[in-house]
Amino acid sequence: MVFERRRPLGEFHASLRQVEEGLFRAEYSGEINPDNPHPDREIPDYHVGTSAADVKIWVEQMASNLGYSQVVWEELPQETSR
């Protein structure tokens, strides 16, 4: 069996937030068909964990396994209290 090396998919964009004390959530878009991406087929996805560092590692490993060259961590807007 011969495996073909795919070209990198580029950057994988994700954001990280603390949901509550000791609970962190990384949010990112999933793609129904990564071989032929299109914005209309993106679906929201996330990963939750008890450590920000562990959640980031999980997302970065997943993105790498999918063929992305790096994860770009985007800042979320600050929540304001009313």
PDB file of N, CA and C in Angstrom:
ATOM      1  N   MET A   1       0.845  -1.162   0.000  1.00  0.00           N
ATOM      2  CA  MET A   1       0.000   0.000   0.000  1.00  0.00           C
ATOM      3  C   MET A   1       0.902   1.240   0.000  1.00  0.00           C
ATOM      4  N   VAL A   2       0.600   2.189  -0.863  1.00  0.00           N
ATOM      5  CA  VAL A   2       1.365   3.416  -0.968  1.00  0.00           C
ATOM      6  C   VAL A   2       0.510   4.560  -0.434  1.00  0.00           C
ATOM      7  N   PHE A   3       1.082   5.341   0.468  1.00  0.00           N
ATOM      8  CA  PHE A   3       0.385   6.497   1.003  1.00  0.00           C
ATOM      9  C   PHE A   3       0.860   7.747   0.290  1.00  0.00           C
ATOM     10  N   GLU A   4      -0.073   8.546  -0.145  1.00  0.00           N
ATOM     11  CA  GLU A   4       0.263   9.786  -0.814  1.00  0.00           C
ATOM     12  C   GLU A   4       0.326  10.901   0.218  1.00  0.00           C
ATOM     13  N   ARG A   5       1.405  11.662   0.177  1.00  0.00           N
ATOM     14  CA  ARG A   5       1.520  12.782   1.112  1.00  0.00           C
ATOM     15  C   ARG A   5       0.731  13.963   0.555  1.00  0.00           C
ATOM     16  N   ARG A   6      -0.203  14.426   1.328  1.00  0.00           N
ATOM     17  CA  ARG A   6      -1.029  15.554   0.921  1.00  0.00           C
ATOM     18  C   ARG A   6      -0.291  16.856   1.175  1.00  0.00           C
ATOM     19  N   ARG A   7      -0.654  17.868   0.420  1.00  0.00           N
ATOM     20  CA  ARG A   7      -0.097  19.187   0.693  1.00  0.00           C
ATOM     21  C   ARG A   7      -0.758  19.722   1.962  1.00  0.00           C
ATOM     22  N   PRO A   8      -0.025  20.520   2.736  1.00  0.00           N
ATOM     23  CA  PRO A   8      -0.626  21.068   3.960  1.00  0.00           C
ATOM     24  C   PRO A   8      -1.875  21.887   3.638  1.00  0.00           C
ATOM     25  N   LEU A   9      -2.835  21.835   4.517  1.00  0.00           N
ATOM     26  CA  LEU A   9      -4.085  22.563   4.319  1.00  0.00           C
ATOM     27  C   LEU A   9      -3.977  24.020   4.749  1.00  0.00           C
ATOM     28  N   GLY A  10      -2.841  24.426   5.291  1.00  0.00           N
ATOM     29  CA  GLY A  10      -2.675  25.812   5.732  1.00  0.00           C
ATOM     30  C   GLY A  10      -2.940  25.955   7.214  1.00  0.00           C
ATOM     31  N   GLU A  11      -3.528  27.088   7.565  1.00  0.00           N
ATOM     32  CA  GLU A  11      -3.758  27.417   8.975  1.00  0.00           C
ATOM     33  C   GLU A  11      -5.125  26.908   9.436  1.00  0.00           C
ATOM     34  N   PHE A  12      -5.152  26.441  10.669  1.00  0.00           N
ATOM     35  CA  PHE A  12      -6.386  26.014  11.324  1.00  0.00           C
ATOM     36  C   PHE A  12      -6.690  27.072  12.378  1.00  0.00           C
ATOM     37  N   HIS A  13      -7.849  27.705  12.311  1.00  0.00           N
ATOM     38  CA  HIS A  13      -8.194  28.789  13.228  1.00  0.00           C
ATOM     39  C   HIS A  13      -9.077  28.270  14.359  1.00  0.00           C
ATOM     40  N   ALA A  14      -8.718  28.644  15.579  1.00  0.00           N
ATOM     41  CA  ALA A  14      -9.471  28.219  16.757  1.00  0.00           C
ATOM     42  C   ALA A  14      -9.423  29.334  17.796  1.00  0.00           C
ATOM     43  N   SER A  15     -10.329  29.273  18.736  1.00  0.00           N
ATOM     44  CA  SER A  15     -10.319  30.201  19.868  1.00  0.00           C
ATOM     45  C   SER A  15     -10.492  29.390  21.144  1.00  0.00           C
ATOM     46  N   LEU A  16     -10.051  29.959  22.250  1.00  0.00           N
ATOM     47  CA  LEU A  16     -10.090  29.271  23.540  1.00  0.00           C
ATOM     48  C   LEU A  16     -10.729  30.189  24.568  1.00  0.00           C
ATOM     49  N   ARG A  17     -11.639  29.638  25.335  1.00  0.00           N
ATOM     50  CA  ARG A  17     -12.269  30.424  26.405  1.00  0.00           C
ATOM     51  C   ARG A  17     -12.398  29.576  27.664  1.00  0.00           C
ATOM     52  N   GLN A  18     -12.413  30.251  28.792  1.00  0.00           N
ATOM     53  CA  GLN A  18     -12.695  29.568  30.050  1.00  0.00           C
ATOM     54  C   GLN A  18     -14.198  29.656  30.261  1.00  0.00           C
ATOM     55  N   VAL A  19     -14.841  28.506  30.311  1.00  0.00           N
ATOM     56  CA  VAL A  19     -16.291  28.445  30.440  1.00  0.00           C
ATOM     57  C   VAL A  19     -16.710  28.711  31.883  1.00  0.00           C
ATOM     58  N   GLU A  20     -15.985  28.102  32.801  1.00  0.00           N
ATOM     59  CA  GLU A  20     -16.181  28.310  34.238  1.00  0.00           C
ATOM     60  C   GLU A  20     -14.893  27.883  34.927  1.00  0.00           C
ATOM     61  N   GLU A  21     -14.841  28.020  36.204  1.00  0.00           N
ATOM     62  CA  GLU A  21     -13.624  27.676  36.936  1.00  0.00           C
ATOM     63  C   GLU A  21     -13.216  26.232  36.632  1.00  0.00           C
ATOM     64  N   GLY A  22     -12.016  26.070  36.058  1.00  0.00           N
ATOM     65  CA  GLY A  22     -11.488  24.739  35.776  1.00  0.00           C
ATOM     66  C   GLY A  22     -12.058  24.056  34.549  1.00  0.00           C
ATOM     67  N   LEU A  23     -12.759  24.794  33.672  1.00  0.00           N
ATOM     68  CA  LEU A  23     -13.339  24.201  32.466  1.00  0.00           C
ATOM     69  C   LEU A  23     -13.059  25.121  31.278  1.00  0.00           C
ATOM     70  N   PHE A  24     -12.384  24.573  30.261  1.00  0.00           N
ATOM     71  CA  PHE A  24     -11.956  25.351  29.100  1.00  0.00           C
ATOM     72  C   PHE A  24     -12.533  24.736  27.834  1.00  0.00           C
ATOM     73  N   ARG A  25     -12.819  25.605  26.857  1.00  0.00           N
ATOM     74  CA  ARG A  25     -13.442  25.159  25.609  1.00  0.00           C
ATOM     75  C   ARG A  25     -12.737  25.816  24.424  1.00  0.00           C
ATOM     76  N   ALA A  26     -12.245  24.989  23.513  1.00  0.00           N
ATOM     77  CA  ALA A  26     -11.693  25.470  22.251  1.00  0.00           C
ATOM     78  C   ALA A  26     -12.798  25.357  21.208  1.00  0.00           C
ATOM     79  N   GLU A  27     -12.988  26.422  20.441  1.00  0.00           N
ATOM     80  CA  GLU A  27     -14.019  26.447  19.416  1.00  0.00           C
ATOM     81  C   GLU A  27     -13.357  26.630  18.057  1.00  0.00           C
ATOM     82  N   TYR A  28     -13.863  25.913  17.069  1.00  0.00           N
ATOM     83  CA  TYR A  28     -13.299  25.971  15.720  1.00  0.00           C
ATOM     84  C   TYR A  28     -14.352  25.471  14.739  1.00  0.00           C
ATOM     85  N   SER A  29     -14.114  25.698  13.464  1.00  0.00           N
ATOM     86  CA  SER A  29     -15.039  25.220  12.432  1.00  0.00           C
ATOM     87  C   SER A  29     -14.591  23.856  11.945  1.00  0.00           C
ATOM     88  N   GLY A  30     -15.538  22.979  11.820  1.00  0.00           N
ATOM     89  CA  GLY A  30     -15.286  21.701  11.191  1.00  0.00           C
ATOM     90  C   GLY A  30     -15.686  21.813   9.728  1.00  0.00           C
ATOM     91  N   GLU A  31     -15.181  20.965   8.899  1.00  0.00           N
ATOM     92  CA  GLU A  31     -15.501  20.984   7.471  1.00  0.00           C
ATOM     93  C   GLU A  31     -16.056  19.621   7.098  1.00  0.00           C
ATOM     94  N   ILE A  32     -17.209  19.617   6.471  1.00  0.00           N
ATOM     95  CA  ILE A  32     -17.842  18.372   6.072  1.00  0.00           C
ATOM     96  C   ILE A  32     -16.988  17.628   5.047  1.00  0.00           C
ATOM     97  N   ASN A  33     -16.330  18.371   4.145  1.00  0.00           N
ATOM     98  CA  ASN A  33     -15.501  17.756   3.112  1.00  0.00           C
ATOM     99  C   ASN A  33     -14.186  18.528   3.015  1.00  0.00           C
ATOM    100  N   PRO A  34     -13.173  18.192   3.837  1.00  0.00           N
ATOM    101  CA  PRO A  34     -11.924  18.960   3.839  1.00  0.00           C
ATOM    102  C   PRO A  34     -11.151  18.903   2.519  1.00  0.00           C
ATOM    103  N   ASP A  35     -11.433  17.905   1.666  1.00  0.00           N
ATOM    104  CA  ASP A  35     -10.757  17.838   0.373  1.00  0.00           C
ATOM    105  C   ASP A  35     -11.285  18.887  -0.602  1.00  0.00           C
ATOM    106  N   ASN A  36     -12.479  19.399  -0.338  1.00  0.00           N
ATOM    107  CA  ASN A  36     -13.087  20.416  -1.184  1.00  0.00           C
ATOM    108  C   ASN A  36     -13.818  21.408  -0.279  1.00  0.00           C
ATOM    109  N   PRO A  37     -13.063  22.222   0.501  1.00  0.00           N
ATOM    110  CA  PRO A  37     -13.694  23.089   1.500  1.00  0.00           C
ATOM    111  C   PRO A  37     -14.564  24.177   0.878  1.00  0.00           C
ATOM    112  N   HIS A  38     -15.591  24.542   1.601  1.00  0.00           N
ATOM    113  CA  HIS A  38     -16.483  25.622   1.185  1.00  0.00           C
ATOM    114  C   HIS A  38     -17.132  26.184   2.451  1.00  0.00           C
ATOM    115  N   PRO A  39     -17.199  27.516   2.591  1.00  0.00           N
ATOM    116  CA  PRO A  39     -17.761  28.114   3.815  1.00  0.00           C
ATOM    117  C   PRO A  39     -19.184  27.661   4.141  1.00  0.00           C
ATOM    118  N   ASP A  40     -19.969  27.333   3.136  1.00  0.00           N
ATOM    119  CA  ASP A  40     -21.352  26.912   3.390  1.00  0.00           C
ATOM    120  C   ASP A  40     -21.441  25.545   4.050  1.00  0.00           C
ATOM    121  N   ARG A  41     -20.346  24.771   4.015  1.00  0.00           N
ATOM    122  CA  ARG A  41     -20.363  23.432   4.599  1.00  0.00           C
ATOM    123  C   ARG A  41     -19.627  23.368   5.933  1.00  0.00           C
ATOM    124  N   GLU A  42     -19.216  24.515   6.455  1.00  0.00           N
ATOM    125  CA  GLU A  42     -18.542  24.511   7.753  1.00  0.00           C
ATOM    126  C   GLU A  42     -19.563  24.257   8.855  1.00  0.00           C
ATOM    127  N   ILE A  43     -19.150  23.491   9.841  1.00  0.00           N
ATOM    128  CA  ILE A  43     -20.004  23.225  10.991  1.00  0.00           C
ATOM    129  C   ILE A  43     -19.226  23.595  12.250  1.00  0.00           C
ATOM    130  N   PRO A  44     -19.894  24.153  13.253  1.00  0.00           N
ATOM    131  CA  PRO A  44     -19.180  24.496  14.479  1.00  0.00           C
ATOM    132  C   PRO A  44     -18.768  23.234  15.229  1.00  0.00           C
ATOM    133  N   ASP A  45     -17.597  23.278  15.828  1.00  0.00           N
ATOM    134  CA  ASP A  45     -17.107  22.144  16.596  1.00  0.00           C
ATOM    135  C   ASP A  45     -16.323  22.693  17.781  1.00  0.00           C
ATOM    136  N   TYR A  46     -16.087  21.858  18.764  1.00  0.00           N
ATOM    137  CA  TYR A  46     -15.357  22.309  19.949  1.00  0.00           C
ATOM    138  C   TYR A  46     -14.759  21.121  20.690  1.00  0.00           C
ATOM    139  N   HIS A  47     -13.819  21.444  21.577  1.00  0.00           N
ATOM    140  CA  HIS A  47     -13.232  20.449  22.475  1.00  0.00           C
ATOM    141  C   HIS A  47     -13.192  21.067  23.867  1.00  0.00           C
ATOM    142  N   VAL A  48     -13.581  20.302  24.878  1.00  0.00           N
ATOM    143  CA  VAL A  48     -13.662  20.788  26.258  1.00  0.00           C
ATOM    144  C   VAL A  48     -12.698  19.997  27.127  1.00  0.00           C
ATOM    145  N   GLY A  49     -12.052  20.691  28.069  1.00  0.00           N
ATOM    146  CA  GLY A  49     -11.154  20.025  29.003  1.00  0.00           C
ATOM    147  C   GLY A  49     -10.977  20.832  30.269  1.00  0.00           C
ATOM    148  N   THR A  50     -10.270  20.261  31.225  1.00  0.00           N
ATOM    149  CA  THR A  50     -10.087  20.910  32.529  1.00  0.00           C
ATOM    150  C   THR A  50      -8.812  21.736  32.604  1.00  0.00           C
ATOM    151  N   SER A  51      -8.049  21.780  31.527  1.00  0.00           N
ATOM    152  CA  SER A  51      -6.811  22.548  31.492  1.00  0.00           C
ATOM    153  C   SER A  51      -6.708  23.251  30.140  1.00  0.00           C
ATOM    154  N   ALA A  52      -6.426  24.549  30.148  1.00  0.00           N
ATOM    155  CA  ALA A  52      -6.269  25.292  28.896  1.00  0.00           C
ATOM    156  C   ALA A  52      -5.134  24.693  28.068  1.00  0.00           C
ATOM    157  N   ALA A  53      -4.044  24.336  28.726  1.00  0.00           N
ATOM    158  CA  ALA A  53      -2.892  23.771  28.015  1.00  0.00           C
ATOM    159  C   ALA A  53      -3.257  22.441  27.361  1.00  0.00           C
ATOM    160  N   ASP A  54      -3.986  21.585  28.065  1.00  0.00           N
ATOM    161  CA  ASP A  54      -4.383  20.285  27.506  1.00  0.00           C
ATOM    162  C   ASP A  54      -5.324  20.449  26.315  1.00  0.00           C
ATOM    163  N   VAL A  55      -6.250  21.395  26.405  1.00  0.00           N
ATOM    164  CA  VAL A  55      -7.180  21.644  25.303  1.00  0.00           C
ATOM    165  C   VAL A  55      -6.406  22.142  24.080  1.00  0.00           C
ATOM    166  N   LYS A  56      -5.465  23.049  24.291  1.00  0.00           N
ATOM    167  CA  LYS A  56      -4.665  23.554  23.165  1.00  0.00           C
ATOM    168  C   LYS A  56      -3.849  22.436  22.521  1.00  0.00           C
ATOM    169  N   ILE A  57      -3.240  21.585  23.332  1.00  0.00           N
ATOM    170  CA  ILE A  57      -2.456  20.468  22.799  1.00  0.00           C
ATOM    171  C   ILE A  57      -3.353  19.551  21.972  1.00  0.00           C
ATOM    172  N   TRP A  58      -4.538  19.236  22.483  1.00  0.00           N
ATOM    173  CA  TRP A  58      -5.449  18.339  21.770  1.00  0.00           C
ATOM    174  C   TRP A  58      -5.816  18.923  20.403  1.00  0.00           C
ATOM    175  N   VAL A  59      -6.188  20.217  20.381  1.00  0.00           N
ATOM    176  CA  VAL A  59      -6.585  20.857  19.119  1.00  0.00           C
ATOM    177  C   VAL A  59      -5.403  20.909  18.152  1.00  0.00           C
ATOM    178  N   GLU A  60      -4.219  21.234  18.656  1.00  0.00           N
ATOM    179  CA  GLU A  60      -3.045  21.319  17.783  1.00  0.00           C
ATOM    180  C   GLU A  60      -2.675  19.959  17.203  1.00  0.00           C
ATOM    181  N   GLN A  61      -2.783  18.896  17.990  1.00  0.00           N
ATOM    182  CA  GLN A  61      -2.503  17.555  17.471  1.00  0.00           C
ATOM    183  C   GLN A  61      -3.556  17.128  16.453  1.00  0.00           C
ATOM    184  N   MET A  62      -4.816  17.433  16.725  1.00  0.00           N
ATOM    185  CA  MET A  62      -5.887  17.093  15.793  1.00  0.00           C
ATOM    186  C   MET A  62      -5.673  17.811  14.468  1.00  0.00           C
ATOM    187  N   ALA A  63      -5.369  19.107  14.523  1.00  0.00           N
ATOM    188  CA  ALA A  63      -5.156  19.886  13.300  1.00  0.00           C
ATOM    189  C   ALA A  63      -3.967  19.341  12.507  1.00  0.00           C
ATOM    190  N   SER A  64      -2.909  19.004  13.206  1.00  0.00           N
ATOM    191  CA  SER A  64      -1.727  18.450  12.542  1.00  0.00           C
ATOM    192  C   SER A  64      -2.066  17.126  11.867  1.00  0.00           C
ATOM    193  N   ASN A  65      -2.811  16.270  12.551  1.00  0.00           N
ATOM    194  CA  ASN A  65      -3.208  14.975  11.984  1.00  0.00           C
ATOM    195  C   ASN A  65      -4.114  15.136  10.768  1.00  0.00           C
ATOM    196  N   LEU A  66      -4.866  16.228  10.721  1.00  0.00           N
ATOM    197  CA  LEU A  66      -5.729  16.491   9.571  1.00  0.00           C
ATOM    198  C   LEU A  66      -4.962  17.102   8.402  1.00  0.00           C
ATOM    199  N   GLY A  67      -3.711  17.523   8.648  1.00  0.00           N
ATOM    200  CA  GLY A  67      -2.897  18.061   7.568  1.00  0.00           C
ATOM    201  C   GLY A  67      -2.697  19.562   7.590  1.00  0.00           C
ATOM    202  N   TYR A  68      -3.117  20.223   8.667  1.00  0.00           N
ATOM    203  CA  TYR A  68      -2.912  21.676   8.765  1.00  0.00           C
ATOM    204  C   TYR A  68      -1.485  21.952   9.216  1.00  0.00           C
ATOM    205  N   SER A  69      -0.930  23.064   8.735  1.00  0.00           N
ATOM    206  CA  SER A  69       0.466  23.386   9.042  1.00  0.00           C
ATOM    207  C   SER A  69       0.619  24.014  10.425  1.00  0.00           C
ATOM    208  N   GLN A  70      -0.398  24.733  10.891  1.00  0.00           N
ATOM    209  CA  GLN A  70      -0.323  25.345  12.222  1.00  0.00           C
ATOM    210  C   GLN A  70      -1.714  25.754  12.687  1.00  0.00           C
ATOM    211  N   VAL A  71      -1.836  25.977  13.994  1.00  0.00           N
ATOM    212  CA  VAL A  71      -3.079  26.481  14.570  1.00  0.00           C
ATOM    213  C   VAL A  71      -2.878  27.953  14.884  1.00  0.00           C
ATOM    214  N   VAL A  72      -3.814  28.766  14.442  1.00  0.00           N
ATOM    215  CA  VAL A  72      -3.814  30.191  14.769  1.00  0.00           C
ATOM    216  C   VAL A  72      -4.875  30.377  15.847  1.00  0.00           C
ATOM    217  N   TRP A  73      -4.420  30.781  17.028  1.00  0.00           N
ATOM    218  CA  TRP A  73      -5.335  30.991  18.148  1.00  0.00           C
ATOM    219  C   TRP A  73      -5.828  32.425  18.091  1.00  0.00           C
ATOM    220  N   GLU A  74      -7.125  32.589  17.868  1.00  0.00           N
ATOM    221  CA  GLU A  74      -7.732  33.904  17.748  1.00  0.00           C
ATOM    222  C   GLU A  74      -8.287  34.330  19.095  1.00  0.00           C
ATOM    223  N   GLU A  75      -8.182  35.616  19.351  1.00  0.00           N
ATOM    224  CA  GLU A  75      -8.716  36.141  20.609  1.00  0.00           C
ATOM    225  C   GLU A  75     -10.217  36.319  20.497  1.00  0.00           C
ATOM    226  N   LEU A  76     -10.892  35.994  21.572  1.00  0.00           N
ATOM    227  CA  LEU A  76     -12.328  36.220  21.636  1.00  0.00           C
ATOM    228  C   LEU A  76     -12.598  37.617  22.181  1.00  0.00           C
ATOM    229  N   PRO A  77     -13.680  38.242  21.775  1.00  0.00           N
ATOM    230  CA  PRO A  77     -13.996  39.546  22.355  1.00  0.00           C
ATOM    231  C   PRO A  77     -14.241  39.419  23.843  1.00  0.00           C
ATOM    232  N   GLN A  78     -13.842  40.421  24.583  1.00  0.00           N
ATOM    233  CA  GLN A  78     -14.062  40.415  26.029  1.00  0.00           C
ATOM    234  C   GLN A  78     -15.545  40.531  26.311  1.00  0.00           C
ATOM    235  N   GLU A  79     -16.027  39.692  27.236  1.00  0.00           N
ATOM    236  CA  GLU A  79     -17.424  39.763  27.615  1.00  0.00           C
ATOM    237  C   GLU A  79     -17.598  40.940  28.577  1.00  0.00           C
ATOM    238  N   THR A  80     -18.655  41.681  28.384  1.00  0.00           N
ATOM    239  CA  THR A  80     -18.928  42.823  29.259  1.00  0.00           C
ATOM    240  C   THR A  80     -20.127  42.516  30.113  1.00  0.00           C
ATOM    241  N   SER A  81     -20.099  42.960  31.342  1.00  0.00           N
ATOM    242  CA  SER A  81     -21.252  42.740  32.220  1.00  0.00           C
ATOM    243  C   SER A  81     -22.188  43.917  32.067  1.00  0.00           C
ATOM    244  N   ARG A  82     -23.440  43.643  32.157  1.00  0.00           N
ATOM    245  CA  ARG A  82     -24.454  44.703  31.982  1.00  0.00           C
ATOM    246  C   ARG A  82     -25.017  45.122  33.311  1.00  0.00           C
TER     247      ARG A  82
END
